[in-house]
Amino acid sequence: TNDDVHNNVIAKNDGVTNHSPFTDENGKPYTGYQVGVADTGNNDQVHDNAVSSSDGAFGPLVTPGGEFLAPIDIQTYPPIDSHVHGNQYNGAPTNPPYSG
């Protein structure tokens, strides 16, 4: 709660490595979960972060029944009143929510 995540550089270039079974907030299964920043708090600030991957490790891709990949996740366990802006994925603006 009231956390700030800003001006970070997050990089992963060895593909999707987290393949354990997971479920979303509605109990729907995913075969893996991998994100750069996951926010589950209240009134958090997530801004001006640079997330990158040369091989799609962070998507953005959300495929029900498949892997959940996202630079920033505020969907799986939605926070209350989060402020997410000014983030980049591979140099392009990116902010959730994402869809497959």
N, C-alpha and C. Protein backbone atom coordinates (compact mmCIF):
# COMPACT_ATOMS: atom_id res chain seq x y z
N THR A 1 0.83 -1.18 0.00
CA THR A 1 0.00 0.00 0.00
C THR A 1 0.88 1.25 0.00
N ASN A 2 0.51 2.21 -0.86
CA ASN A 2 1.24 3.48 -1.00
C ASN A 2 2.70 3.28 -1.40
N ASP A 3 2.96 2.26 -2.23
CA ASP A 3 4.31 2.00 -2.71
C ASP A 3 4.57 2.74 -4.02
N ASP A 4 5.83 3.07 -4.27
CA ASP A 4 6.25 3.69 -5.52
C ASP A 4 7.21 2.77 -6.24
N VAL A 5 6.91 2.46 -7.50
CA VAL A 5 7.80 1.69 -8.35
C VAL A 5 8.05 2.58 -9.57
N HIS A 6 9.19 3.23 -9.60
CA HIS A 6 9.43 4.15 -10.71
C HIS A 6 10.91 4.22 -11.06
N ASN A 7 11.14 4.55 -12.34
CA ASN A 7 12.47 4.74 -12.90
C ASN A 7 13.34 3.49 -12.78
N ASN A 8 12.74 2.31 -12.95
CA ASN A 8 13.48 1.05 -12.93
C ASN A 8 13.72 0.56 -14.35
N VAL A 9 14.75 -0.24 -14.52
CA VAL A 9 15.03 -0.93 -15.77
C VAL A 9 14.92 -2.42 -15.48
N ILE A 10 14.00 -3.08 -16.17
CA ILE A 10 13.73 -4.49 -15.95
C ILE A 10 13.93 -5.21 -17.28
N ALA A 11 14.86 -6.16 -17.34
CA ALA A 11 15.15 -6.85 -18.59
C ALA A 11 15.23 -8.35 -18.35
N LYS A 12 14.69 -9.11 -19.31
CA LYS A 12 14.76 -10.57 -19.26
C LYS A 12 14.87 -11.05 -20.69
N ASN A 13 15.91 -11.78 -20.98
CA ASN A 13 16.16 -12.19 -22.36
C ASN A 13 16.39 -13.69 -22.51
N ASP A 14 15.80 -14.49 -21.61
CA ASP A 14 15.94 -15.94 -21.75
C ASP A 14 14.59 -16.62 -21.88
N GLY A 15 13.63 -15.93 -22.46
CA GLY A 15 12.34 -16.51 -22.77
C GLY A 15 11.43 -16.65 -21.57
N VAL A 16 10.37 -17.37 -21.78
CA VAL A 16 9.39 -17.61 -20.73
C VAL A 16 9.87 -18.81 -19.93
N THR A 17 10.16 -18.60 -18.66
CA THR A 17 10.72 -19.67 -17.84
C THR A 17 9.80 -20.06 -16.69
N ASN A 18 8.71 -19.36 -16.49
CA ASN A 18 7.82 -19.65 -15.38
C ASN A 18 6.59 -20.36 -15.93
N HIS A 19 6.57 -21.68 -15.84
CA HIS A 19 5.51 -22.47 -16.48
C HIS A 19 4.61 -23.21 -15.49
N SER A 20 4.67 -22.91 -14.22
CA SER A 20 3.79 -23.58 -13.27
C SER A 20 2.34 -23.19 -13.52
N PRO A 21 1.39 -24.04 -13.15
CA PRO A 21 -0.02 -23.67 -13.36
C PRO A 21 -0.44 -22.56 -12.37
N PHE A 22 -1.15 -21.60 -12.89
CA PHE A 22 -1.66 -20.47 -12.11
C PHE A 22 -3.11 -20.24 -12.46
N THR A 23 -3.83 -19.50 -11.62
CA THR A 23 -5.20 -19.12 -11.94
C THR A 23 -5.35 -17.61 -11.75
N ASP A 24 -6.28 -17.03 -12.51
CA ASP A 24 -6.55 -15.61 -12.34
C ASP A 24 -7.57 -15.42 -11.22
N GLU A 25 -8.03 -14.19 -11.02
CA GLU A 25 -8.94 -13.88 -9.92
C GLU A 25 -10.28 -14.58 -10.05
N ASN A 26 -10.61 -15.07 -11.25
CA ASN A 26 -11.86 -15.79 -11.46
C ASN A 26 -11.66 -17.31 -11.48
N GLY A 27 -10.46 -17.76 -11.15
CA GLY A 27 -10.18 -19.19 -11.13
C GLY A 27 -9.86 -19.80 -12.48
N LYS A 28 -9.73 -18.97 -13.52
CA LYS A 28 -9.39 -19.48 -14.85
C LYS A 28 -7.91 -19.86 -14.88
N PRO A 29 -7.57 -21.01 -15.47
CA PRO A 29 -6.17 -21.45 -15.44
C PRO A 29 -5.28 -20.76 -16.49
N TYR A 30 -4.04 -20.59 -16.12
CA TYR A 30 -2.98 -20.16 -17.03
C TYR A 30 -1.85 -21.17 -16.89
N THR A 31 -1.09 -21.41 -17.96
CA THR A 31 0.00 -22.38 -17.89
C THR A 31 1.29 -21.76 -17.40
N GLY A 32 1.33 -20.46 -17.25
CA GLY A 32 2.51 -19.78 -16.74
C GLY A 32 2.19 -18.34 -16.44
N TYR A 33 3.03 -17.72 -15.62
CA TYR A 33 2.83 -16.32 -15.23
C TYR A 33 4.19 -15.66 -15.17
N GLN A 34 4.39 -14.62 -15.96
CA GLN A 34 5.67 -13.92 -15.96
C GLN A 34 5.43 -12.46 -16.30
N VAL A 35 5.79 -11.58 -15.38
CA VAL A 35 5.61 -10.14 -15.58
C VAL A 35 6.84 -9.40 -15.09
N GLY A 36 6.99 -8.17 -15.56
CA GLY A 36 8.08 -7.31 -15.08
C GLY A 36 7.77 -6.70 -13.74
N VAL A 37 6.55 -6.13 -13.60
CA VAL A 37 6.09 -5.52 -12.35
C VAL A 37 4.68 -6.01 -12.08
N ALA A 38 4.43 -6.54 -10.88
CA ALA A 38 3.08 -6.95 -10.47
C ALA A 38 2.66 -6.07 -9.30
N ASP A 39 1.54 -5.38 -9.46
CA ASP A 39 1.04 -4.49 -8.42
C ASP A 39 -0.24 -5.06 -7.83
N THR A 40 -0.24 -5.29 -6.52
CA THR A 40 -1.43 -5.80 -5.85
C THR A 40 -1.82 -4.93 -4.66
N GLY A 41 -1.17 -3.80 -4.46
CA GLY A 41 -1.43 -2.95 -3.30
C GLY A 41 -2.50 -1.90 -3.56
N ASN A 42 -2.62 -0.99 -2.63
CA ASN A 42 -3.59 0.09 -2.73
C ASN A 42 -2.87 1.43 -2.84
N ASN A 43 -3.36 2.26 -3.74
CA ASN A 43 -2.80 3.60 -3.96
C ASN A 43 -1.32 3.57 -4.32
N ASP A 44 -0.92 2.56 -5.10
CA ASP A 44 0.48 2.45 -5.52
C ASP A 44 0.73 3.28 -6.77
N GLN A 45 1.98 3.67 -6.96
CA GLN A 45 2.42 4.44 -8.12
C GLN A 45 3.40 3.58 -8.92
N VAL A 46 3.09 3.30 -10.18
CA VAL A 46 3.97 2.54 -11.06
C VAL A 46 4.18 3.39 -12.30
N HIS A 47 5.32 4.06 -12.39
CA HIS A 47 5.52 4.97 -13.51
C HIS A 47 6.97 5.08 -13.93
N ASP A 48 7.14 5.40 -15.21
CA ASP A 48 8.44 5.66 -15.82
C ASP A 48 9.42 4.51 -15.67
N ASN A 49 8.92 3.27 -15.80
CA ASN A 49 9.75 2.09 -15.79
C ASN A 49 10.01 1.63 -17.22
N ALA A 50 11.19 1.08 -17.47
CA ALA A 50 11.55 0.55 -18.78
C ALA A 50 11.68 -0.96 -18.67
N VAL A 51 10.73 -1.68 -19.28
CA VAL A 51 10.74 -3.14 -19.27
C VAL A 51 11.13 -3.59 -20.67
N SER A 52 12.03 -4.58 -20.76
CA SER A 52 12.43 -5.03 -22.09
C SER A 52 12.69 -6.53 -22.11
N SER A 53 12.55 -7.07 -23.32
CA SER A 53 12.84 -8.47 -23.58
C SER A 53 13.06 -8.64 -25.07
N SER A 54 14.13 -9.32 -25.44
CA SER A 54 14.39 -9.54 -26.86
C SER A 54 13.63 -10.75 -27.39
N ASP A 55 13.00 -11.52 -26.50
CA ASP A 55 12.34 -12.75 -26.94
C ASP A 55 10.92 -12.91 -26.42
N GLY A 56 10.25 -11.82 -26.07
CA GLY A 56 8.85 -11.88 -25.67
C GLY A 56 8.59 -12.40 -24.27
N ALA A 57 9.58 -12.35 -23.40
CA ALA A 57 9.41 -12.88 -22.04
C ALA A 57 8.31 -12.17 -21.26
N PHE A 58 8.01 -10.91 -21.62
CA PHE A 58 6.97 -10.17 -20.92
C PHE A 58 5.80 -9.83 -21.83
N GLY A 59 5.69 -10.49 -22.94
CA GLY A 59 4.55 -10.27 -23.84
C GLY A 59 4.60 -8.92 -24.55
N PRO A 60 3.59 -8.05 -24.45
CA PRO A 60 2.40 -8.30 -23.65
C PRO A 60 1.44 -9.27 -24.33
N LEU A 61 1.07 -10.29 -23.60
CA LEU A 61 0.15 -11.28 -24.12
C LEU A 61 -0.59 -11.91 -22.96
N VAL A 62 -1.88 -11.93 -23.03
CA VAL A 62 -2.71 -12.59 -22.03
C VAL A 62 -3.61 -13.56 -22.79
N THR A 63 -3.34 -14.83 -22.68
CA THR A 63 -4.11 -15.83 -23.40
C THR A 63 -4.77 -16.76 -22.40
N PRO A 64 -6.09 -16.69 -22.21
CA PRO A 64 -6.74 -17.62 -21.29
C PRO A 64 -6.39 -19.06 -21.62
N GLY A 65 -5.95 -19.79 -20.61
CA GLY A 65 -5.52 -21.16 -20.81
C GLY A 65 -4.07 -21.27 -21.24
N GLY A 66 -3.47 -20.16 -21.64
CA GLY A 66 -2.06 -20.14 -22.04
C GLY A 66 -1.24 -19.40 -21.01
N GLU A 67 -0.15 -18.83 -21.45
CA GLU A 67 0.73 -18.09 -20.55
C GLU A 67 0.22 -16.68 -20.35
N PHE A 68 0.38 -16.14 -19.14
CA PHE A 68 0.09 -14.75 -18.85
C PHE A 68 1.43 -14.03 -18.85
N LEU A 69 1.66 -13.20 -19.85
CA LEU A 69 2.90 -12.45 -19.99
C LEU A 69 2.56 -10.98 -20.08
N ALA A 70 3.19 -10.15 -19.26
CA ALA A 70 2.90 -8.73 -19.31
C ALA A 70 4.05 -7.94 -18.73
N PRO A 71 4.36 -6.77 -19.31
CA PRO A 71 5.37 -5.91 -18.69
C PRO A 71 4.94 -5.47 -17.29
N ILE A 72 3.64 -5.14 -17.13
CA ILE A 72 3.10 -4.68 -15.85
C ILE A 72 1.75 -5.36 -15.65
N ASP A 73 1.54 -5.94 -14.48
CA ASP A 73 0.28 -6.63 -14.20
C ASP A 73 -0.46 -5.95 -13.06
N ILE A 74 -1.63 -5.39 -13.39
CA ILE A 74 -2.54 -4.91 -12.35
C ILE A 74 -3.89 -5.58 -12.54
N GLN A 75 -3.91 -6.68 -13.30
CA GLN A 75 -5.15 -7.38 -13.63
C GLN A 75 -5.39 -8.61 -12.76
N THR A 76 -4.36 -9.39 -12.48
CA THR A 76 -4.54 -10.68 -11.83
C THR A 76 -5.13 -10.52 -10.44
N TYR A 77 -4.58 -9.66 -9.64
CA TYR A 77 -5.12 -9.32 -8.32
C TYR A 77 -5.22 -7.81 -8.28
N PRO A 78 -6.32 -7.25 -8.80
CA PRO A 78 -6.42 -5.81 -9.01
C PRO A 78 -6.22 -4.98 -7.73
N PRO A 79 -5.31 -4.02 -7.81
CA PRO A 79 -5.13 -3.10 -6.69
C PRO A 79 -6.24 -2.06 -6.66
N ILE A 80 -6.32 -1.34 -5.58
CA ILE A 80 -7.30 -0.26 -5.44
C ILE A 80 -6.58 1.06 -5.70
N ASP A 81 -7.09 1.83 -6.65
CA ASP A 81 -6.59 3.18 -6.93
C ASP A 81 -5.10 3.22 -7.28
N SER A 82 -4.68 2.31 -8.17
CA SER A 82 -3.28 2.36 -8.60
C SER A 82 -3.12 3.44 -9.67
N HIS A 83 -1.93 3.98 -9.77
CA HIS A 83 -1.60 5.02 -10.74
C HIS A 83 -0.46 4.48 -11.60
N VAL A 84 -0.79 4.08 -12.83
CA VAL A 84 0.16 3.44 -13.72
C VAL A 84 0.26 4.29 -14.99
N HIS A 85 1.44 4.84 -15.25
CA HIS A 85 1.60 5.70 -16.42
C HIS A 85 3.08 5.87 -16.77
N GLY A 86 3.33 6.25 -17.99
CA GLY A 86 4.67 6.60 -18.43
C GLY A 86 5.64 5.43 -18.52
N ASN A 87 5.13 4.20 -18.58
CA ASN A 87 6.00 3.02 -18.65
C ASN A 87 6.25 2.65 -20.10
N GLN A 88 7.34 1.91 -20.34
CA GLN A 88 7.69 1.48 -21.69
C GLN A 88 8.00 -0.01 -21.71
N TYR A 89 7.63 -0.65 -22.83
CA TYR A 89 8.05 -2.03 -23.10
C TYR A 89 8.77 -2.02 -24.43
N ASN A 90 10.04 -2.40 -24.41
CA ASN A 90 10.90 -2.37 -25.60
C ASN A 90 10.86 -1.00 -26.28
N GLY A 91 10.82 0.06 -25.48
CA GLY A 91 10.90 1.41 -26.00
C GLY A 91 9.58 2.04 -26.38
N ALA A 92 8.50 1.26 -26.40
CA ALA A 92 7.18 1.79 -26.76
C ALA A 92 6.32 1.96 -25.49
N PRO A 93 5.46 2.94 -25.47
CA PRO A 93 4.59 3.12 -24.30
C PRO A 93 3.77 1.86 -24.02
N THR A 94 3.63 1.52 -22.76
CA THR A 94 2.84 0.34 -22.39
C THR A 94 2.20 0.56 -21.03
N ASN A 95 0.96 0.25 -20.92
CA ASN A 95 0.24 0.29 -19.66
C ASN A 95 -0.90 -0.71 -19.73
N PRO A 96 -1.18 -1.45 -18.66
CA PRO A 96 -2.26 -2.43 -18.66
C PRO A 96 -3.62 -1.75 -18.75
N PRO A 97 -4.68 -2.47 -19.06
CA PRO A 97 -4.73 -3.93 -19.22
C PRO A 97 -4.31 -4.38 -20.62
N TYR A 98 -3.94 -5.63 -20.75
CA TYR A 98 -3.53 -6.21 -22.02
C TYR A 98 -4.51 -7.30 -22.38
N SER A 99 -4.57 -7.63 -23.65
CA SER A 99 -5.41 -8.75 -24.08
C SER A 99 -4.66 -9.54 -25.14
N GLY A 100 -5.04 -10.79 -25.30
CA GLY A 100 -4.33 -11.69 -26.22
C GLY A 100 -4.84 -11.63 -27.61
